[in-house]
Amino acid sequence: MKKLIVSVLIVLMAMSIVFAGGAKEASDAKIPVTFAGTEAATTGQSRMMQAVADKLNETGRFNAVVQVAGALSGDTDALVTQAKLGISLVVPSDPGRLASQFNLPDLNILMAPYILTDPAVLKTLPDTDLFKEWQAELEKQGIVYITNMYNGFRCFYTTTPVKNVSDLSGLRIRGFGNAIGNNLAKYLGFANIGISWGEVFPGIQSKTLDGCEVQVATADGARLYEVVKNIAMTKHYMLQSAFVCSATFYNSMSPADRELFTKIMREAALEYGEVIQKEEAGYYENMKKNGVTITEVDISEFQKAIEPLYTNNDLGFSAGLKDRLFKELGK
């Protein structure tokens, strides 16, 4: 019942924005669209969406607004569902979420542990045949996959030091509540707790959690340094914001407007991915200033622990998927 009420509220709020934009559209033919996210307004992801909205509005063709920090919903999957139903929303999800939500196991490879480790590959990813195939599959389900943006490497933030894989054994760690997160926990030996991000700080504070795995910008914004004093630099996921929008909205635009919209989105994703990379050092320095110990682990040990995930094909990848992806990326 609670989820139903939340969904109804999202629809009503989003529709009010769309209708408000629609009234404007009737007078000046501008295209109404809302960028909706769950991160704080200060993060690179949210700033990227604001920059895109500003650029779209400058063209005179769009009436774009931004609703972040969970203003429409704190549940990314719920926002994506509303886009799927036809609301004019652009939502930053991630490949793992989309893979689970739309039953596309191969899409997990973009977020699988230690597969993609260089943000530069995201520049050519949208041009690959694989990406275009995923786009086609998602569009059949009502979603247009626009682009990916680097959003930080995820590491372990814990109340006790983690230097080796064995140090994670038995710890209660908040992670992704999907196939990627569950399999990371399976092979690294911790208990994966798939709760909402808002529950992490109080969970660690009350000792019901021993930590989380997250990117540094989000950790710093949540002041995690107040409850955890250790970071293990495992860099096990290269987190990506996977931007999607309503297929109904996208296909309602003229070819010229679609091209403009996509171009602005992709250029901004690359620009802000680089911004996020540059800002990470400052966030880590702030962690240190607040008494957090940062441990440079032997990443090869963690990679070796993860190898059975791929030999056993726990994520259900198509045969030869990794080799095909790397070939198309030119790696």
C-alpha atoms as a PDB file:
ATOM      1  CA  MET A   1       0.000   0.000   0.000  1.00  0.00           C
ATOM      2  CA  LYS A   2       2.832   2.395   0.889  1.00  0.00           C
ATOM      3  CA  LYS A   3       4.540   1.873  -2.484  1.00  0.00           C
ATOM      4  CA  LEU A   4       1.209   2.379  -4.250  1.00  0.00           C
ATOM      5  CA  ILE A   5       0.646   5.678  -2.463  1.00  0.00           C
ATOM      6  CA  VAL A   6       4.202   6.804  -3.266  1.00  0.00           C
ATOM      7  CA  SER A   7       3.728   5.899  -6.934  1.00  0.00           C
ATOM      8  CA  VAL A   8       0.449   7.797  -7.120  1.00  0.00           C
ATOM      9  CA  LEU A   9       2.059  10.848  -5.527  1.00  0.00           C
ATOM     10  CA  ILE A  10       4.960  10.690  -7.977  1.00  0.00           C
ATOM     11  CA  VAL A  11       2.536  10.537 -10.887  1.00  0.00           C
ATOM     12  CA  LEU A  12       0.492  13.465  -9.572  1.00  0.00           C
ATOM     13  CA  MET A  13       3.565  15.591  -8.886  1.00  0.00           C
ATOM     14  CA  ALA A  14       5.170  14.768 -12.213  1.00  0.00           C
ATOM     15  CA  MET A  15       1.930  15.353 -14.079  1.00  0.00           C
ATOM     16  CA  SER A  16       1.514  18.736 -12.430  1.00  0.00           C
ATOM     17  CA  ILE A  17       4.964  19.677 -13.713  1.00  0.00           C
ATOM     18  CA  VAL A  18       4.184  18.324 -17.165  1.00  0.00           C
ATOM     19  CA  PHE A  19       0.832  20.109 -17.307  1.00  0.00           C
ATOM     20  CA  ALA A  20       2.418  23.335 -16.141  1.00  0.00           C
ATOM     21  CA  GLY A  21       4.996  22.935 -18.878  1.00  0.00           C
ATOM     22  CA  GLY A  22       2.219  21.976 -21.267  1.00  0.00           C
ATOM     23  CA  ALA A  23       0.444  25.284 -20.699  1.00  0.00           C
ATOM     24  CA  LYS A  24       3.674  27.044 -21.532  1.00  0.00           C
ATOM     25  CA  GLU A  25       4.193  24.795 -24.535  1.00  0.00           C
ATOM     26  CA  ALA A  26       0.817  25.794 -25.914  1.00  0.00           C
ATOM     27  CA  SER A  27       1.925  29.418 -26.089  1.00  0.00           C
ATOM     28  CA  ASP A  28       5.534  29.091 -27.218  1.00  0.00           C
ATOM     29  CA  ALA A  29       5.841  25.484 -28.413  1.00  0.00           C
ATOM     30  CA  LYS A  30       8.550  24.637 -25.887  1.00  0.00           C
ATOM     31  CA  ILE A  31       9.036  20.974 -24.948  1.00  0.00           C
ATOM     32  CA  PRO A  32       8.448  20.321 -21.215  1.00  0.00           C
ATOM     33  CA  VAL A  33      10.809  17.897 -19.459  1.00  0.00           C
ATOM     34  CA  THR A  34      11.780  17.245 -15.836  1.00  0.00           C
ATOM     35  CA  PHE A  35      15.143  15.933 -14.647  1.00  0.00           C
ATOM     36  CA  ALA A  36      14.504  13.936 -11.467  1.00  0.00           C
ATOM     37  CA  GLY A  37      17.146  12.451  -9.157  1.00  0.00           C
ATOM     38  CA  THR A  38      17.751  11.320  -5.598  1.00  0.00           C
ATOM     39  CA  GLU A  39      21.201  12.811  -4.920  1.00  0.00           C
ATOM     40  CA  ALA A  40      21.745  16.168  -3.219  1.00  0.00           C
ATOM     41  CA  ALA A  41      21.860  19.283  -5.387  1.00  0.00           C
ATOM     42  CA  THR A  42      25.601  19.672  -4.733  1.00  0.00           C
ATOM     43  CA  THR A  43      26.709  16.341  -6.272  1.00  0.00           C
ATOM     44  CA  GLY A  44      28.234  16.114  -9.732  1.00  0.00           C
ATOM     45  CA  GLN A  45      25.253  14.137 -10.986  1.00  0.00           C
ATOM     46  CA  SER A  46      22.748  16.779  -9.896  1.00  0.00           C
ATOM     47  CA  ARG A  47      24.896  19.636 -11.160  1.00  0.00           C
ATOM     48  CA  MET A  48      25.190  17.860 -14.502  1.00  0.00           C
ATOM     49  CA  MET A  49      21.395  17.680 -14.808  1.00  0.00           C
ATOM     50  CA  GLN A  50      21.064  21.363 -13.952  1.00  0.00           C
ATOM     51  CA  ALA A  51      23.671  22.232 -16.584  1.00  0.00           C
ATOM     52  CA  VAL A  52      21.782  20.169 -19.183  1.00  0.00           C
ATOM     53  CA  ALA A  53      18.491  21.817 -18.272  1.00  0.00           C
ATOM     54  CA  ASP A  54      20.086  25.261 -18.583  1.00  0.00           C
ATOM     55  CA  LYS A  55      21.565  24.442 -21.996  1.00  0.00           C
ATOM     56  CA  LEU A  56      18.290  23.005 -23.239  1.00  0.00           C
ATOM     57  CA  ASN A  57      16.421  26.097 -22.112  1.00  0.00           C
ATOM     58  CA  GLU A  58      18.984  28.356 -23.795  1.00  0.00           C
ATOM     59  CA  THR A  59      18.110  26.778 -27.144  1.00  0.00           C
ATOM     60  CA  GLY A  60      14.574  28.154 -26.839  1.00  0.00           C
ATOM     61  CA  ARG A  61      13.157  24.729 -27.695  1.00  0.00           C
ATOM     62  CA  PHE A  62      12.730  23.306 -24.180  1.00  0.00           C
ATOM     63  CA  ASN A  63      11.121  24.095 -20.848  1.00  0.00           C
ATOM     64  CA  ALA A  64      13.373  21.975 -18.623  1.00  0.00           C
ATOM     65  CA  VAL A  65      13.230  21.872 -14.814  1.00  0.00           C
ATOM     66  CA  VAL A  66      15.290  19.935 -12.268  1.00  0.00           C
ATOM     67  CA  GLN A  67      13.963  18.115  -9.199  1.00  0.00           C
ATOM     68  CA  VAL A  68      16.750  16.474  -7.158  1.00  0.00           C
ATOM     69  CA  ALA A  69      17.383  15.351  -3.555  1.00  0.00           C
ATOM     70  CA  GLY A  70      14.382  13.043  -3.813  1.00  0.00           C
ATOM     71  CA  ALA A  71      11.943  15.904  -4.449  1.00  0.00           C
ATOM     72  CA  LEU A  72       9.761  13.638  -6.600  1.00  0.00           C
ATOM     73  CA  SER A  73      10.859  10.368  -4.995  1.00  0.00           C
ATOM     74  CA  GLY A  74      13.818   8.944  -3.095  1.00  0.00           C
ATOM     75  CA  ASP A  75      13.381   5.691  -5.028  1.00  0.00           C
ATOM     76  CA  THR A  76      15.235   5.657  -8.359  1.00  0.00           C
ATOM     77  CA  ASP A  77      13.380   2.583  -9.620  1.00  0.00           C
ATOM     78  CA  ALA A  78      10.057   4.306  -8.948  1.00  0.00           C
ATOM     79  CA  LEU A  79      11.156   7.341 -10.966  1.00  0.00           C
ATOM     80  CA  VAL A  80      12.227   5.114 -13.860  1.00  0.00           C
ATOM     81  CA  THR A  81       8.850   3.354 -13.686  1.00  0.00           C
ATOM     82  CA  GLN A  82       7.041   6.677 -14.020  1.00  0.00           C
ATOM     83  CA  ALA A  83       9.147   7.499 -17.096  1.00  0.00           C
ATOM     84  CA  LYS A  84       8.275   4.082 -18.494  1.00  0.00           C
ATOM     85  CA  LEU A  85       4.585   4.938 -18.044  1.00  0.00           C
ATOM     86  CA  GLY A  86       4.986   8.042 -20.196  1.00  0.00           C
ATOM     87  CA  ILE A  87       5.800  10.919 -17.814  1.00  0.00           C
ATOM     88  CA  SER A  88       8.308  13.369 -19.354  1.00  0.00           C
ATOM     89  CA  LEU A  89      11.131  12.474 -16.957  1.00  0.00           C
ATOM     90  CA  VAL A  90      14.879  12.083 -17.355  1.00  0.00           C
ATOM     91  CA  VAL A  91      16.256   9.903 -14.551  1.00  0.00           C
ATOM     92  CA  PRO A  92      19.827   8.903 -13.592  1.00  0.00           C
ATOM     93  CA  SER A  93      19.762   5.209 -12.717  1.00  0.00           C
ATOM     94  CA  ASP A  94      22.725   2.833 -13.104  1.00  0.00           C
ATOM     95  CA  PRO A  95      23.388  -0.180 -15.358  1.00  0.00           C
ATOM     96  CA  GLY A  96      22.911  -2.689 -12.535  1.00  0.00           C
ATOM     97  CA  ARG A  97      19.544  -1.250 -11.557  1.00  0.00           C
ATOM     98  CA  LEU A  98      18.383  -1.203 -15.154  1.00  0.00           C
ATOM     99  CA  ALA A  99      19.578  -4.772 -15.701  1.00  0.00           C
ATOM    100  CA  SER A 100      17.446  -5.967 -12.781  1.00  0.00           C
ATOM    101  CA  GLN A 101      14.453  -3.724 -13.408  1.00  0.00           C
ATOM    102  CA  PHE A 102      14.167  -4.605 -17.105  1.00  0.00           C
ATOM    103  CA  ASN A 103      15.552  -8.156 -17.060  1.00  0.00           C
ATOM    104  CA  LEU A 104      18.638  -7.492 -19.201  1.00  0.00           C
ATOM    105  CA  PRO A 105      21.414  -9.519 -17.507  1.00  0.00           C
ATOM    106  CA  ASP A 106      24.094  -8.550 -20.043  1.00  0.00           C
ATOM    107  CA  LEU A 107      23.721  -4.899 -19.036  1.00  0.00           C
ATOM    108  CA  ASN A 108      25.221  -5.837 -15.655  1.00  0.00           C
ATOM    109  CA  ILE A 109      28.639  -6.049 -17.284  1.00  0.00           C
ATOM    110  CA  LEU A 110      28.970  -2.258 -17.234  1.00  0.00           C
ATOM    111  CA  MET A 111      28.860  -2.295 -13.419  1.00  0.00           C
ATOM    112  CA  ALA A 112      30.247  -5.770 -12.673  1.00  0.00           C
ATOM    113  CA  PRO A 113      33.225  -5.830 -10.272  1.00  0.00           C
ATOM    114  CA  TYR A 114      36.572  -5.030 -11.897  1.00  0.00           C
ATOM    115  CA  ILE A 115      35.311  -5.163 -15.501  1.00  0.00           C
ATOM    116  CA  LEU A 116      35.355  -1.467 -16.463  1.00  0.00           C
ATOM    117  CA  THR A 117      38.108   0.406 -14.641  1.00  0.00           C
ATOM    118  CA  ASP A 118      38.755   3.431 -16.884  1.00  0.00           C
ATOM    119  CA  PRO A 119      36.213   6.276 -17.081  1.00  0.00           C
ATOM    120  CA  ALA A 120      37.553   7.174 -20.549  1.00  0.00           C
ATOM    121  CA  VAL A 121      35.690   4.213 -22.113  1.00  0.00           C
ATOM    122  CA  LEU A 122      32.371   5.968 -21.489  1.00  0.00           C
ATOM    123  CA  LYS A 123      33.208   8.398 -24.304  1.00  0.00           C
ATOM    124  CA  THR A 124      32.765   5.693 -26.950  1.00  0.00           C
ATOM    125  CA  LEU A 125      30.304   3.417 -25.131  1.00  0.00           C
ATOM    126  CA  PRO A 126      27.151   4.948 -26.735  1.00  0.00           C
ATOM    127  CA  ASP A 127      28.610   4.285 -30.189  1.00  0.00           C
ATOM    128  CA  THR A 128      29.056   0.536 -29.637  1.00  0.00           C
ATOM    129  CA  ASP A 129      26.696  -2.013 -31.161  1.00  0.00           C
ATOM    130  CA  LEU A 130      26.146  -3.486 -27.695  1.00  0.00           C
ATOM    131  CA  PHE A 131      24.904  -0.179 -26.316  1.00  0.00           C
ATOM    132  CA  LYS A 132      22.586   0.232 -29.289  1.00  0.00           C
ATOM    133  CA  GLU A 133      21.204  -3.269 -28.744  1.00  0.00           C
ATOM    134  CA  TRP A 134      20.535  -2.473 -25.079  1.00  0.00           C
ATOM    135  CA  GLN A 135      18.865   0.762 -26.191  1.00  0.00           C
ATOM    136  CA  ALA A 136      16.561  -1.174 -28.503  1.00  0.00           C
ATOM    137  CA  GLU A 137      15.620  -3.673 -25.789  1.00  0.00           C
ATOM    138  CA  LEU A 138      14.875  -0.932 -23.270  1.00  0.00           C
ATOM    139  CA  GLU A 139      12.848   1.098 -25.761  1.00  0.00           C
ATOM    140  CA  LYS A 140      10.572  -1.911 -26.264  1.00  0.00           C
ATOM    141  CA  GLN A 141       9.796  -1.547 -22.554  1.00  0.00           C
ATOM    142  CA  GLY A 142       9.138   2.197 -22.696  1.00  0.00           C
ATOM    143  CA  ILE A 143      12.562   3.600 -21.806  1.00  0.00           C
ATOM    144  CA  VAL A 144      15.202   5.371 -23.892  1.00  0.00           C
ATOM    145  CA  TYR A 145      18.800   4.812 -22.744  1.00  0.00           C
ATOM    146  CA  ILE A 146      20.671   8.053 -23.458  1.00  0.00           C
ATOM    147  CA  THR A 147      24.185   7.833 -22.038  1.00  0.00           C
ATOM    148  CA  ASN A 148      26.390   6.923 -19.063  1.00  0.00           C
ATOM    149  CA  MET A 149      28.406   9.268 -16.834  1.00  0.00           C
ATOM    150  CA  TYR A 150      31.281   8.372 -14.520  1.00  0.00           C
ATOM    151  CA  ASN A 151      30.112   8.895 -10.933  1.00  0.00           C
ATOM    152  CA  GLY A 152      33.017   7.603  -8.845  1.00  0.00           C
ATOM    153  CA  PHE A 153      34.717   4.377  -7.815  1.00  0.00           C
ATOM    154  CA  ARG A 154      33.008   2.570  -4.962  1.00  0.00           C
ATOM    155  CA  CYS A 155      35.046   1.446  -1.959  1.00  0.00           C
ATOM    156  CA  PHE A 156      34.335   0.039   1.517  1.00  0.00           C
ATOM    157  CA  TYR A 157      33.619   2.450   4.391  1.00  0.00           C
ATOM    158  CA  THR A 158      33.727   0.513   7.649  1.00  0.00           C
ATOM    159  CA  THR A 159      33.875   0.822  11.423  1.00  0.00           C
ATOM    160  CA  THR A 160      36.763  -1.683  11.581  1.00  0.00           C
ATOM    161  CA  PRO A 161      39.868  -1.677   9.337  1.00  0.00           C
ATOM    162  CA  VAL A 162      39.726  -3.645   6.081  1.00  0.00           C
ATOM    163  CA  LYS A 163      43.060  -4.466   4.466  1.00  0.00           C
ATOM    164  CA  ASN A 164      42.427  -7.968   3.125  1.00  0.00           C
ATOM    165  CA  VAL A 165      39.403  -9.829   1.773  1.00  0.00           C
ATOM    166  CA  SER A 166      39.205 -11.837   4.999  1.00  0.00           C
ATOM    167  CA  ASP A 167      38.623  -8.633   6.974  1.00  0.00           C
ATOM    168  CA  LEU A 168      35.200  -8.304   5.341  1.00  0.00           C
ATOM    169  CA  SER A 169      34.077 -11.728   6.546  1.00  0.00           C
ATOM    170  CA  GLY A 170      30.840 -11.512   8.526  1.00  0.00           C
ATOM    171  CA  LEU A 171      30.527  -7.721   8.323  1.00  0.00           C
ATOM    172  CA  ARG A 172      27.078  -6.261   7.681  1.00  0.00           C
ATOM    173  CA  ILE A 173      27.606  -3.937   4.714  1.00  0.00           C
ATOM    174  CA  ARG A 174      25.018  -1.867   2.890  1.00  0.00           C
ATOM    175  CA  GLY A 175      25.365  -2.463  -0.840  1.00  0.00           C
ATOM    176  CA  PHE A 176      23.359  -2.730  -4.032  1.00  0.00           C
ATOM    177  CA  GLY A 177      20.277  -4.872  -3.491  1.00  0.00           C
ATOM    178  CA  ASN A 178      20.573  -6.527  -6.897  1.00  0.00           C
ATOM    179  CA  ALA A 179      22.472  -9.367  -8.580  1.00  0.00           C
ATOM    180  CA  ILE A 180      25.713  -7.375  -8.710  1.00  0.00           C
ATOM    181  CA  GLY A 181      25.581  -6.452  -5.014  1.00  0.00           C
ATOM    182  CA  ASN A 182      24.569  -9.921  -3.853  1.00  0.00           C
ATOM    183  CA  ASN A 183      27.342 -11.611  -5.812  1.00  0.00           C
ATOM    184  CA  LEU A 184      29.986  -9.150  -4.621  1.00  0.00           C
ATOM    185  CA  ALA A 185      28.990 -10.069  -1.053  1.00  0.00           C
ATOM    186  CA  LYS A 186      28.960 -13.780  -1.870  1.00  0.00           C
ATOM    187  CA  TYR A 187      32.571 -13.842  -3.020  1.00  0.00           C
ATOM    188  CA  LEU A 188      34.026 -11.259  -0.631  1.00  0.00           C
ATOM    189  CA  GLY A 189      32.321 -12.822   2.381  1.00  0.00           C
ATOM    190  CA  PHE A 190      30.210 -10.027   3.858  1.00  0.00           C
ATOM    191  CA  ALA A 191      26.461  -9.830   4.477  1.00  0.00           C
ATOM    192  CA  ASN A 192      24.859  -7.544   1.883  1.00  0.00           C
ATOM    193  CA  ILE A 193      22.151  -5.326   3.388  1.00  0.00           C
ATOM    194  CA  GLY A 194      20.059  -3.753   0.631  1.00  0.00           C
ATOM    195  CA  ILE A 195      18.485  -0.841   2.500  1.00  0.00           C
ATOM    196  CA  SER A 196      17.854   2.709   1.283  1.00  0.00           C
ATOM    197  CA  TRP A 197      20.724   5.183   1.452  1.00  0.00           C
ATOM    198  CA  GLY A 198      18.917   7.285   4.055  1.00  0.00           C
ATOM    199  CA  GLU A 199      19.078   4.368   6.495  1.00  0.00           C
ATOM    200  CA  VAL A 200      22.853   3.930   6.264  1.00  0.00           C
ATOM    201  CA  PHE A 201      24.091   6.643   8.646  1.00  0.00           C
ATOM    202  CA  PRO A 202      21.695   5.729  11.494  1.00  0.00           C
ATOM    203  CA  GLY A 203      22.315   2.033  10.810  1.00  0.00           C
ATOM    204  CA  ILE A 204      26.065   2.433  11.312  1.00  0.00           C
ATOM    205  CA  GLN A 205      25.506   4.764  14.247  1.00  0.00           C
ATOM    206  CA  SER A 206      23.294   2.189  15.997  1.00  0.00           C
ATOM    207  CA  LYS A 207      25.767  -0.609  15.133  1.00  0.00           C
ATOM    208  CA  THR A 208      23.200  -2.574  13.098  1.00  0.00           C
ATOM    209  CA  LEU A 209      25.541  -1.980  10.140  1.00  0.00           C
ATOM    210  CA  ASP A 210      29.319  -2.304  10.070  1.00  0.00           C
ATOM    211  CA  GLY A 211      29.645  -0.042   7.072  1.00  0.00           C
ATOM    212  CA  CYS A 212      28.766   0.396   3.418  1.00  0.00           C
ATOM    213  CA  GLU A 213      30.294   0.448  -0.044  1.00  0.00           C
ATOM    214  CA  VAL A 214      29.863   3.767  -1.798  1.00  0.00           C
ATOM    215  CA  GLN A 215      31.565   6.513  -3.813  1.00  0.00           C
ATOM    216  CA  VAL A 216      33.457   9.230  -1.933  1.00  0.00           C
ATOM    217  CA  ALA A 217      31.358  12.251  -3.001  1.00  0.00           C
ATOM    218  CA  THR A 218      28.190  10.660  -1.608  1.00  0.00           C
ATOM    219  CA  ALA A 219      30.011   9.477   1.530  1.00  0.00           C
ATOM    220  CA  ASP A 220      31.346  12.963   2.187  1.00  0.00           C
ATOM    221  CA  GLY A 221      27.961  14.585   1.550  1.00  0.00           C
ATOM    222  CA  ALA A 222      26.364  12.220   4.063  1.00  0.00           C
ATOM    223  CA  ARG A 223      29.103  13.005   6.637  1.00  0.00           C
ATOM    224  CA  LEU A 224      29.925   9.316   6.956  1.00  0.00           C
ATOM    225  CA  TYR A 225      33.232  10.310   8.550  1.00  0.00           C
ATOM    226  CA  GLU A 226      31.223  10.855  11.734  1.00  0.00           C
ATOM    227  CA  VAL A 227      30.375   7.150  12.019  1.00  0.00           C
ATOM    228  CA  VAL A 228      33.088   5.272  10.073  1.00  0.00           C
ATOM    229  CA  LYS A 229      36.828   5.726  10.448  1.00  0.00           C
ATOM    230  CA  ASN A 230      38.147   3.406   7.750  1.00  0.00           C
ATOM    231  CA  ILE A 231      38.131   3.377   3.945  1.00  0.00           C
ATOM    232  CA  ALA A 232      39.503   0.400   2.006  1.00  0.00           C
ATOM    233  CA  MET A 233      40.406   1.572  -1.498  1.00  0.00           C
ATOM    234  CA  THR A 234      39.093  -1.511  -3.293  1.00  0.00           C
ATOM    235  CA  LYS A 235      37.570   0.396  -6.231  1.00  0.00           C
ATOM    236  CA  HIS A 236      35.439  -2.662  -6.975  1.00  0.00           C
ATOM    237  CA  TYR A 237      32.793  -0.825  -9.037  1.00  0.00           C
ATOM    238  CA  MET A 238      33.198   2.015 -11.496  1.00  0.00           C
ATOM    239  CA  LEU A 239      29.859   3.609 -10.716  1.00  0.00           C
ATOM    240  CA  GLN A 240      28.001   5.094 -13.660  1.00  0.00           C
ATOM    241  CA  SER A 241      24.900   7.234 -13.811  1.00  0.00           C
ATOM    242  CA  ALA A 242      22.874   5.690 -16.625  1.00  0.00           C
ATOM    243  CA  PHE A 243      20.539   8.410 -17.884  1.00  0.00           C
ATOM    244  CA  VAL A 244      17.192   7.232 -19.211  1.00  0.00           C
ATOM    245  CA  CYS A 245      13.974   8.962 -20.212  1.00  0.00           C
ATOM    246  CA  SER A 246      10.429   8.198 -21.269  1.00  0.00           C
ATOM    247  CA  ALA A 247      10.239   6.669 -24.743  1.00  0.00           C
ATOM    248  CA  THR A 248       6.877   8.408 -25.193  1.00  0.00           C
ATOM    249  CA  PHE A 249       8.508  11.751 -24.430  1.00  0.00           C
ATOM    250  CA  TYR A 250      11.596  11.074 -26.561  1.00  0.00           C
ATOM    251  CA  ASN A 251       9.675   9.909 -29.609  1.00  0.00           C
ATOM    252  CA  SER A 252       7.254  12.832 -29.393  1.00  0.00           C
ATOM    253  CA  MET A 253      10.089  15.186 -30.312  1.00  0.00           C
ATOM    254  CA  SER A 254      11.071  16.017 -33.861  1.00  0.00           C
ATOM    255  CA  PRO A 255      14.239  14.317 -35.175  1.00  0.00           C
ATOM    256  CA  ALA A 256      16.119  17.622 -34.870  1.00  0.00           C
ATOM    257  CA  ASP A 257      15.046  18.116 -31.254  1.00  0.00           C
ATOM    258  CA  ARG A 258      15.919  14.511 -30.373  1.00  0.00           C
ATOM    259  CA  GLU A 259      19.373  14.971 -31.872  1.00  0.00           C
ATOM    260  CA  LEU A 260      19.900  18.232 -29.959  1.00  0.00           C
ATOM    261  CA  PHE A 261      18.636  16.719 -26.700  1.00  0.00           C
ATOM    262  CA  THR A 262      20.903  13.653 -27.016  1.00  0.00           C
ATOM    263  CA  LYS A 263      23.952  15.706 -28.015  1.00  0.00           C
ATOM    264  CA  ILE A 264      23.627  18.041 -25.032  1.00  0.00           C
ATOM    265  CA  MET A 265      23.101  15.116 -22.643  1.00  0.00           C
ATOM    266  CA  ARG A 266      26.120  13.179 -23.874  1.00  0.00           C
ATOM    267  CA  GLU A 267      28.461  16.158 -23.928  1.00  0.00           C
ATOM    268  CA  ALA A 268      27.459  17.130 -20.386  1.00  0.00           C
ATOM    269  CA  ALA A 269      27.919  13.534 -19.174  1.00  0.00           C
ATOM    270  CA  LEU A 270      31.523  13.522 -20.394  1.00  0.00           C
ATOM    271  CA  GLU A 271      32.208  16.997 -19.008  1.00  0.00           C
ATOM    272  CA  TYR A 272      30.851  16.269 -15.541  1.00  0.00           C
ATOM    273  CA  GLY A 273      32.423  12.813 -15.429  1.00  0.00           C
ATOM    274  CA  GLU A 274      35.782  14.604 -15.661  1.00  0.00           C
ATOM    275  CA  VAL A 275      34.673  17.144 -13.040  1.00  0.00           C
ATOM    276  CA  ILE A 276      33.767  14.326 -10.650  1.00  0.00           C
ATOM    277  CA  GLN A 277      37.172  12.678 -11.162  1.00  0.00           C
ATOM    278  CA  LYS A 278      38.978  15.929 -10.326  1.00  0.00           C
ATOM    279  CA  GLU A 279      36.866  16.563  -7.222  1.00  0.00           C
ATOM    280  CA  GLU A 280      37.440  13.127  -5.669  1.00  0.00           C
ATOM    281  CA  ALA A 281      40.870  13.993  -4.251  1.00  0.00           C
ATOM    282  CA  GLY A 282      39.368  16.853  -2.260  1.00  0.00           C
ATOM    283  CA  TYR A 283      36.695  14.607  -0.789  1.00  0.00           C
ATOM    284  CA  TYR A 284      39.298  12.063   0.306  1.00  0.00           C
ATOM    285  CA  GLU A 285      41.343  14.840   1.898  1.00  0.00           C
ATOM    286  CA  ASN A 286      38.282  15.940   3.848  1.00  0.00           C
ATOM    287  CA  MET A 287      37.788  12.352   5.024  1.00  0.00           C
ATOM    288  CA  LYS A 288      41.373  12.350   6.339  1.00  0.00           C
ATOM    289  CA  LYS A 289      40.867  15.699   8.074  1.00  0.00           C
ATOM    290  CA  ASN A 290      37.914  14.170   9.872  1.00  0.00           C
ATOM    291  CA  GLY A 291      39.950  11.295  11.242  1.00  0.00           C
ATOM    292  CA  VAL A 292      39.332   8.616   8.609  1.00  0.00           C
ATOM    293  CA  THR A 293      42.161   6.202   7.792  1.00  0.00           C
ATOM    294  CA  ILE A 294      42.453   5.409   4.083  1.00  0.00           C
ATOM    295  CA  THR A 295      44.027   2.030   3.319  1.00  0.00           C
ATOM    296  CA  GLU A 296      45.513   1.245  -0.101  1.00  0.00           C
ATOM    297  CA  VAL A 297      44.691  -2.452  -0.404  1.00  0.00           C
ATOM    298  CA  ASP A 298      46.171  -5.012  -2.798  1.00  0.00           C
ATOM    299  CA  ILE A 299      43.444  -4.831  -5.430  1.00  0.00           C
ATOM    300  CA  SER A 300      44.689  -7.999  -7.107  1.00  0.00           C
ATOM    301  CA  GLU A 301      43.654  -9.968  -3.998  1.00  0.00           C
ATOM    302  CA  PHE A 302      40.095  -8.675  -4.290  1.00  0.00           C
ATOM    303  CA  GLN A 303      40.054  -9.295  -8.037  1.00  0.00           C
ATOM    304  CA  LYS A 304      41.162 -12.884  -7.474  1.00  0.00           C
ATOM    305  CA  ALA A 305      38.384 -13.416  -4.907  1.00  0.00           C
ATOM    306  CA  ILE A 306      35.852 -12.215  -7.497  1.00  0.00           C
ATOM    307  CA  GLU A 307      37.083 -14.480 -10.336  1.00  0.00           C
ATOM    308  CA  PRO A 308      34.580 -17.325  -9.568  1.00  0.00           C
ATOM    309  CA  LEU A 309      31.758 -14.840 -10.225  1.00  0.00           C
ATOM    310  CA  TYR A 310      32.783 -14.945 -13.888  1.00  0.00           C
ATOM    311  CA  THR A 311      33.913 -18.572 -14.211  1.00  0.00           C
ATOM    312  CA  ASN A 312      30.578 -19.647 -12.695  1.00  0.00           C
ATOM    313  CA  ASN A 313      28.757 -17.001 -14.776  1.00  0.00           C
ATOM    314  CA  ASP A 314      26.603 -16.036 -11.785  1.00  0.00           C
ATOM    315  CA  LEU A 315      25.362 -12.929 -13.598  1.00  0.00           C
ATOM    316  CA  GLY A 316      24.162 -14.946 -16.588  1.00  0.00           C
ATOM    317  CA  PHE A 317      26.214 -13.165 -19.243  1.00  0.00           C
ATOM    318  CA  SER A 318      25.942 -14.181 -22.890  1.00  0.00           C
ATOM    319  CA  ALA A 319      28.891 -16.186 -24.206  1.00  0.00           C
ATOM    320  CA  GLY A 320      31.829 -13.955 -25.155  1.00  0.00           C
ATOM    321  CA  LEU A 321      30.182 -10.796 -23.787  1.00  0.00           C
ATOM    322  CA  LYS A 322      33.293  -9.349 -22.103  1.00  0.00           C
ATOM    323  CA  ASP A 323      35.492  -9.914 -25.159  1.00  0.00           C
ATOM    324  CA  ARG A 324      32.870  -8.362 -27.412  1.00  0.00           C
ATOM    325  CA  LEU A 325      32.487  -5.304 -25.149  1.00  0.00           C
ATOM    326  CA  PHE A 326      36.230  -4.727 -24.969  1.00  0.00           C
ATOM    327  CA  LYS A 327      36.603  -5.133 -28.726  1.00  0.00           C
ATOM    328  CA  GLU A 328      33.855  -2.601 -29.434  1.00  0.00           C
ATOM    329  CA  LEU A 329      35.381  -0.192 -26.901  1.00  0.00           C
ATOM    330  CA  GLY A 330      38.761  -0.586 -28.574  1.00  0.00           C
ATOM    331  CA  LYS A 331      40.434  -2.002 -25.457  1.00  0.00           C
END
